[in-house]
Amino acid sequence: SGGQQLVLQGAGNWRDDLGQRSFNY
């Protein structure tokens, strides 16, 4: 949109009762 928006891509993790989970966005 003419430089008015920025796209970022990253990753992370979190823990639930069954163990470690991972994601990207």
PDB file of all heavy atoms in Angstrom:
ATOM      1  N   SER A   1       0.834  -1.216   0.000  1.00  0.00           N
ATOM      2  CA  SER A   1       0.000   0.000   0.000  1.00  0.00           C
ATOM      3  C   SER A   1       0.865   1.261   0.000  1.00  0.00           C
ATOM      4  O   SER A   1       0.709   2.150   0.834  1.00  0.00           O
ATOM      5  CB  SER A   1      -0.956   0.005   1.201  1.00  0.00           C
ATOM      6  OG  SER A   1      -1.782  -1.130   1.167  1.00  0.00           O
ATOM      7  N   GLY A   2       1.803   1.294  -0.954  1.00  0.00           N
ATOM      8  CA  GLY A   2       2.620   2.497  -1.079  1.00  0.00           C
ATOM      9  C   GLY A   2       3.534   2.729   0.105  1.00  0.00           C
ATOM     10  O   GLY A   2       3.827   3.875   0.439  1.00  0.00           O
ATOM     11  N   GLY A   3       3.992   1.664   0.732  1.00  0.00           N
ATOM     12  CA  GLY A   3       4.906   1.816   1.858  1.00  0.00           C
ATOM     13  C   GLY A   3       4.233   2.084   3.181  1.00  0.00           C
ATOM     14  O   GLY A   3       4.909   2.289   4.185  1.00  0.00           O
ATOM     15  N   GLN A   4       2.899   2.044   3.223  1.00  0.00           N
ATOM     16  CA  GLN A   4       2.189   2.298   4.466  1.00  0.00           C
ATOM     17  C   GLN A   4       2.013   1.040   5.315  1.00  0.00           C
ATOM     18  O   GLN A   4       1.586   1.133   6.461  1.00  0.00           O
ATOM     19  CB  GLN A   4       0.805   2.910   4.163  1.00  0.00           C
ATOM     20  CG  GLN A   4       0.864   4.240   3.446  1.00  0.00           C
ATOM     21  CD  GLN A   4       1.621   5.285   4.241  1.00  0.00           C
ATOM     22  OE1 GLN A   4       1.511   5.343   5.461  1.00  0.00           O
ATOM     23  NE2 GLN A   4       2.407   6.108   3.556  1.00  0.00           N
ATOM     24  N   GLN A   5       2.300  -0.135   4.743  1.00  0.00           N
ATOM     25  CA  GLN A   5       2.217  -1.384   5.501  1.00  0.00           C
ATOM     26  C   GLN A   5       3.553  -2.104   5.454  1.00  0.00           C
ATOM     27  O   GLN A   5       4.294  -2.019   4.483  1.00  0.00           O
ATOM     28  CB  GLN A   5       1.124  -2.304   4.937  1.00  0.00           C
ATOM     29  CG  GLN A   5      -0.283  -1.836   5.248  1.00  0.00           C
ATOM     30  CD  GLN A   5      -1.319  -2.877   4.884  1.00  0.00           C
ATOM     31  OE1 GLN A   5      -1.005  -4.054   4.720  1.00  0.00           O
ATOM     32  NE2 GLN A   5      -2.562  -2.439   4.758  1.00  0.00           N
ATOM     33  N   LEU A   6       3.837  -2.835   6.549  1.00  0.00           N
ATOM     34  CA  LEU A   6       5.070  -3.596   6.669  1.00  0.00           C
ATOM     35  C   LEU A   6       4.701  -5.049   6.967  1.00  0.00           C
ATOM     36  O   LEU A   6       3.792  -5.312   7.754  1.00  0.00           O
ATOM     37  CB  LEU A   6       5.926  -3.035   7.815  1.00  0.00           C
ATOM     38  CG  LEU A   6       7.236  -3.759   8.125  1.00  0.00           C
ATOM     39  CD1 LEU A   6       8.191  -3.660   6.945  1.00  0.00           C
ATOM     40  CD2 LEU A   6       7.878  -3.160   9.374  1.00  0.00           C
ATOM     41  N   VAL A   7       5.390  -5.988   6.324  1.00  0.00           N
ATOM     42  CA  VAL A   7       5.145  -7.410   6.538  1.00  0.00           C
ATOM     43  C   VAL A   7       6.332  -7.999   7.298  1.00  0.00           C
ATOM     44  O   VAL A   7       7.473  -7.910   6.846  1.00  0.00           O
ATOM     45  CB  VAL A   7       4.957  -8.157   5.200  1.00  0.00           C
ATOM     46  CG1 VAL A   7       4.698  -9.648   5.458  1.00  0.00           C
ATOM     47  CG2 VAL A   7       3.809  -7.551   4.408  1.00  0.00           C
ATOM     48  N   LEU A   8       6.048  -8.594   8.468  1.00  0.00           N
ATOM     49  CA  LEU A   8       7.080  -9.235   9.277  1.00  0.00           C
ATOM     50  C   LEU A   8       6.778 -10.738   9.372  1.00  0.00           C
ATOM     51  O   LEU A   8       5.618 -11.124   9.508  1.00  0.00           O
ATOM     52  CB  LEU A   8       7.126  -8.635  10.687  1.00  0.00           C
ATOM     53  CG  LEU A   8       7.533  -7.171  10.801  1.00  0.00           C
ATOM     54  CD1 LEU A   8       7.489  -6.735  12.255  1.00  0.00           C
ATOM     55  CD2 LEU A   8       8.933  -6.949  10.241  1.00  0.00           C
ATOM     56  N   GLN A   9       7.836 -11.533   9.314  1.00  0.00           N
ATOM     57  CA  GLN A   9       7.693 -12.980   9.480  1.00  0.00           C
ATOM     58  C   GLN A   9       8.623 -13.444  10.589  1.00  0.00           C
ATOM     59  O   GLN A   9       9.808 -13.101  10.595  1.00  0.00           O
ATOM     60  CB  GLN A   9       8.022 -13.722   8.175  1.00  0.00           C
ATOM     61  CG  GLN A   9       6.994 -13.472   7.078  1.00  0.00           C
ATOM     62  CD  GLN A   9       7.265 -14.283   5.839  1.00  0.00           C
ATOM     63  OE1 GLN A   9       8.349 -14.825   5.664  1.00  0.00           O
ATOM     64  NE2 GLN A   9       6.266 -14.373   4.964  1.00  0.00           N
ATOM     65  N   GLY A  10       8.077 -14.192  11.553  1.00  0.00           N
ATOM     66  CA  GLY A  10       8.865 -14.633  12.696  1.00  0.00           C
ATOM     67  C   GLY A  10       8.411 -15.982  13.198  1.00  0.00           C
ATOM     68  O   GLY A  10       7.582 -16.660  12.576  1.00  0.00           O
ATOM     69  N   ALA A  11       8.948 -16.376  14.338  1.00  0.00           N
ATOM     70  CA  ALA A  11       8.643 -17.693  14.901  1.00  0.00           C
ATOM     71  C   ALA A  11       8.708 -17.619  16.418  1.00  0.00           C
ATOM     72  O   ALA A  11       9.177 -16.626  16.996  1.00  0.00           O
ATOM     73  CB  ALA A  11       9.621 -18.749  14.374  1.00  0.00           C
ATOM     74  N   GLY A  12       8.232 -18.673  17.072  1.00  0.00           N
ATOM     75  CA  GLY A  12       8.265 -18.731  18.539  1.00  0.00           C
ATOM     76  C   GLY A  12       7.805 -20.089  19.024  1.00  0.00           C
ATOM     77  O   GLY A  12       7.644 -21.031  18.248  1.00  0.00           O
ATOM     78  N   ASN A  13       7.581 -20.163  20.324  1.00  0.00           N
ATOM     79  CA  ASN A  13       7.145 -21.424  20.914  1.00  0.00           C
ATOM     80  C   ASN A  13       6.357 -21.147  22.187  1.00  0.00           C
ATOM     81  O   ASN A  13       6.409 -20.041  22.735  1.00  0.00           O
ATOM     82  CB  ASN A  13       8.330 -22.343  21.205  1.00  0.00           C
ATOM     83  CG  ASN A  13       9.334 -21.695  22.135  1.00  0.00           C
ATOM     84  OD1 ASN A  13       9.139 -21.620  23.352  1.00  0.00           O
ATOM     85  ND2 ASN A  13      10.434 -21.198  21.577  1.00  0.00           N
ATOM     86  N   TRP A  14       5.645 -22.161  22.652  1.00  0.00           N
ATOM     87  CA  TRP A  14       4.932 -22.081  23.911  1.00  0.00           C
ATOM     88  C   TRP A  14       4.773 -23.496  24.453  1.00  0.00           C
ATOM     89  O   TRP A  14       5.027 -24.465  23.736  1.00  0.00           O
ATOM     90  CB  TRP A  14       3.568 -21.390  23.761  1.00  0.00           C
ATOM     91  CG  TRP A  14       2.610 -22.022  22.813  1.00  0.00           C
ATOM     92  CD1 TRP A  14       2.634 -21.976  21.461  1.00  0.00           C
ATOM     93  CD2 TRP A  14       1.442 -22.782  23.138  1.00  0.00           C
ATOM     94  NE1 TRP A  14       1.576 -22.653  20.912  1.00  0.00           N
ATOM     95  CE2 TRP A  14       0.826 -23.155  21.916  1.00  0.00           C
ATOM     96  CE3 TRP A  14       0.850 -23.166  24.337  1.00  0.00           C
ATOM     97  CZ2 TRP A  14      -0.342 -23.901  21.866  1.00  0.00           C
ATOM     98  CZ3 TRP A  14      -0.320 -23.920  24.291  1.00  0.00           C
ATOM     99  CH2 TRP A  14      -0.898 -24.266  23.061  1.00  0.00           C
ATOM    100  N   ARG A  15       4.417 -23.632  25.705  1.00  0.00           N
ATOM    101  CA  ARG A  15       4.344 -24.934  26.352  1.00  0.00           C
ATOM    102  C   ARG A  15       2.915 -25.201  26.820  1.00  0.00           C
ATOM    103  O   ARG A  15       2.254 -24.329  27.363  1.00  0.00           O
ATOM    104  CB  ARG A  15       5.297 -24.987  27.550  1.00  0.00           C
ATOM    105  CG  ARG A  15       5.282 -26.323  28.302  1.00  0.00           C
ATOM    106  CD  ARG A  15       6.349 -26.358  29.368  1.00  0.00           C
ATOM    107  NE  ARG A  15       7.673 -26.351  28.788  1.00  0.00           N
ATOM    108  CZ  ARG A  15       8.288 -27.445  28.335  1.00  0.00           C
ATOM    109  NH1 ARG A  15       7.691 -28.622  28.418  1.00  0.00           N
ATOM    110  NH2 ARG A  15       9.485 -27.367  27.811  1.00  0.00           N
ATOM    111  N   ASP A  16       2.453 -26.429  26.561  1.00  0.00           N
ATOM    112  CA  ASP A  16       1.156 -26.844  27.094  1.00  0.00           C
ATOM    113  C   ASP A  16       1.352 -28.097  27.944  1.00  0.00           C
ATOM    114  O   ASP A  16       2.484 -28.475  28.260  1.00  0.00           O
ATOM    115  CB  ASP A  16       0.140 -27.074  25.960  1.00  0.00           C
ATOM    116  CG  ASP A  16       0.536 -28.243  25.051  1.00  0.00           C
ATOM    117  OD1 ASP A  16       1.546 -28.935  25.348  1.00  0.00           O
ATOM    118  OD2 ASP A  16      -0.159 -28.472  24.046  1.00  0.00           O
ATOM    119  N   ASP A  17       0.248 -28.753  28.298  1.00  0.00           N
ATOM    120  CA  ASP A  17       0.336 -29.914  29.187  1.00  0.00           C
ATOM    121  C   ASP A  17       1.108 -31.073  28.572  1.00  0.00           C
ATOM    122  O   ASP A  17       1.632 -31.930  29.291  1.00  0.00           O
ATOM    123  CB  ASP A  17      -1.073 -30.385  29.570  1.00  0.00           C
ATOM    124  CG  ASP A  17      -1.813 -29.349  30.403  1.00  0.00           C
ATOM    125  OD1 ASP A  17      -1.127 -28.499  31.010  1.00  0.00           O
ATOM    126  OD2 ASP A  17      -3.054 -29.382  30.440  1.00  0.00           O
ATOM    127  N   LEU A  18       1.181 -31.102  27.237  1.00  0.00           N
ATOM    128  CA  LEU A  18       1.852 -32.212  26.559  1.00  0.00           C
ATOM    129  C   LEU A  18       3.300 -31.908  26.200  1.00  0.00           C
ATOM    130  O   LEU A  18       4.003 -32.781  25.710  1.00  0.00           O
ATOM    131  CB  LEU A  18       1.074 -32.584  25.294  1.00  0.00           C
ATOM    132  CG  LEU A  18      -0.368 -33.060  25.523  1.00  0.00           C
ATOM    133  CD1 LEU A  18      -1.047 -33.350  24.193  1.00  0.00           C
ATOM    134  CD2 LEU A  18      -0.384 -34.293  26.401  1.00  0.00           C
ATOM    135  N   GLY A  19       3.746 -30.668  26.434  1.00  0.00           N
ATOM    136  CA  GLY A  19       5.143 -30.339  26.143  1.00  0.00           C
ATOM    137  C   GLY A  19       5.285 -29.084  25.308  1.00  0.00           C
ATOM    138  O   GLY A  19       4.380 -28.249  25.237  1.00  0.00           O
ATOM    139  N   GLN A  20       6.436 -28.958  24.644  1.00  0.00           N
ATOM    140  CA  GLN A  20       6.771 -27.760  23.881  1.00  0.00           C
ATOM    141  C   GLN A  20       6.074 -27.762  22.521  1.00  0.00           C
ATOM    142  O   GLN A  20       6.019 -28.784  21.841  1.00  0.00           O
ATOM    143  CB  GLN A  20       8.297 -27.705  23.674  1.00  0.00           C
ATOM    144  CG  GLN A  20       8.814 -26.342  23.239  1.00  0.00           C
ATOM    145  CD  GLN A  20       8.938 -25.373  24.400  1.00  0.00           C
ATOM    146  OE1 GLN A  20       8.695 -25.737  25.544  1.00  0.00           O
ATOM    147  NE2 GLN A  20       9.329 -24.159  24.134  1.00  0.00           N
ATOM    148  N   ARG A  21       5.546 -26.617  22.129  1.00  0.00           N
ATOM    149  CA  ARG A  21       4.920 -26.438  20.822  1.00  0.00           C
ATOM    150  C   ARG A  21       5.606 -25.277  20.119  1.00  0.00           C
ATOM    151  O   ARG A  21       6.127 -24.370  20.772  1.00  0.00           O
ATOM    152  CB  ARG A  21       3.424 -26.165  20.959  1.00  0.00           C
ATOM    153  CG  ARG A  21       2.657 -27.268  21.661  1.00  0.00           C
ATOM    154  CD  ARG A  21       1.181 -26.950  21.746  1.00  0.00           C
ATOM    155  NE  ARG A  21       0.573 -26.941  20.431  1.00  0.00           N
ATOM    156  CZ  ARG A  21       0.076 -28.025  19.827  1.00  0.00           C
ATOM    157  NH1 ARG A  21       0.128 -29.196  20.438  1.00  0.00           N
ATOM    158  NH2 ARG A  21      -0.483 -27.954  18.654  1.00  0.00           N
ATOM    159  N   SER A  22       5.613 -25.279  18.814  1.00  0.00           N
ATOM    160  CA  SER A  22       6.277 -24.228  18.042  1.00  0.00           C
ATOM    161  C   SER A  22       5.329 -23.680  16.978  1.00  0.00           C
ATOM    162  O   SER A  22       4.365 -24.336  16.585  1.00  0.00           O
ATOM    163  CB  SER A  22       7.558 -24.771  17.386  1.00  0.00           C
ATOM    164  OG  SER A  22       7.267 -25.887  16.562  1.00  0.00           O
ATOM    165  N   PHE A  23       5.623 -22.458  16.514  1.00  0.00           N
ATOM    166  CA  PHE A  23       4.782 -21.812  15.508  1.00  0.00           C
ATOM    167  C   PHE A  23       5.614 -20.826  14.710  1.00  0.00           C
ATOM    168  O   PHE A  23       6.708 -20.411  15.126  1.00  0.00           O
ATOM    169  CB  PHE A  23       3.601 -21.089  16.175  1.00  0.00           C
ATOM    170  CG  PHE A  23       4.006 -19.942  17.058  1.00  0.00           C
ATOM    171  CD1 PHE A  23       4.146 -18.649  16.549  1.00  0.00           C
ATOM    172  CD2 PHE A  23       4.272 -20.154  18.404  1.00  0.00           C
ATOM    173  CE1 PHE A  23       4.525 -17.598  17.364  1.00  0.00           C
ATOM    174  CE2 PHE A  23       4.653 -19.099  19.229  1.00  0.00           C
ATOM    175  CZ  PHE A  23       4.780 -17.823  18.708  1.00  0.00           C
ATOM    176  N   ASN A  24       5.100 -20.418  13.552  1.00  0.00           N
ATOM    177  CA  ASN A  24       5.637 -19.264  12.846  1.00  0.00           C
ATOM    178  C   ASN A  24       4.473 -18.386  12.420  1.00  0.00           C
ATOM    179  O   ASN A  24       3.317 -18.816  12.428  1.00  0.00           O
ATOM    180  CB  ASN A  24       6.527 -19.675  11.664  1.00  0.00           C
ATOM    181  CG  ASN A  24       5.805 -20.497  10.623  1.00  0.00           C
ATOM    182  OD1 ASN A  24       4.603 -20.319  10.376  1.00  0.00           O
ATOM    183  ND2 ASN A  24       6.508 -21.421   9.982  1.00  0.00           N
ATOM    184  N   TYR A  25       4.772 -17.146  12.066  1.00  0.00           N
ATOM    185  CA  TYR A  25       3.703 -16.206  11.729  1.00  0.00           C
ATOM    186  C   TYR A  25       4.148 -15.265  10.615  1.00  0.00           C
ATOM    187  O   TYR A  25       5.350 -15.041  10.400  1.00  0.00           O
ATOM    188  CB  TYR A  25       3.279 -15.385  12.955  1.00  0.00           C
ATOM    189  CG  TYR A  25       4.336 -14.422  13.457  1.00  0.00           C
ATOM    190  CD1 TYR A  25       4.451 -13.133  12.912  1.00  0.00           C
ATOM    191  CD2 TYR A  25       5.216 -14.794  14.466  1.00  0.00           C
ATOM    192  CE1 TYR A  25       5.427 -12.257  13.363  1.00  0.00           C
ATOM    193  CE2 TYR A  25       6.189 -13.921  14.917  1.00  0.00           C
ATOM    194  CZ  TYR A  25       6.289 -12.654  14.366  1.00  0.00           C
ATOM    195  OH  TYR A  25       7.261 -11.784  14.802  1.00  0.00           O
TER     196      TYR A  25
END
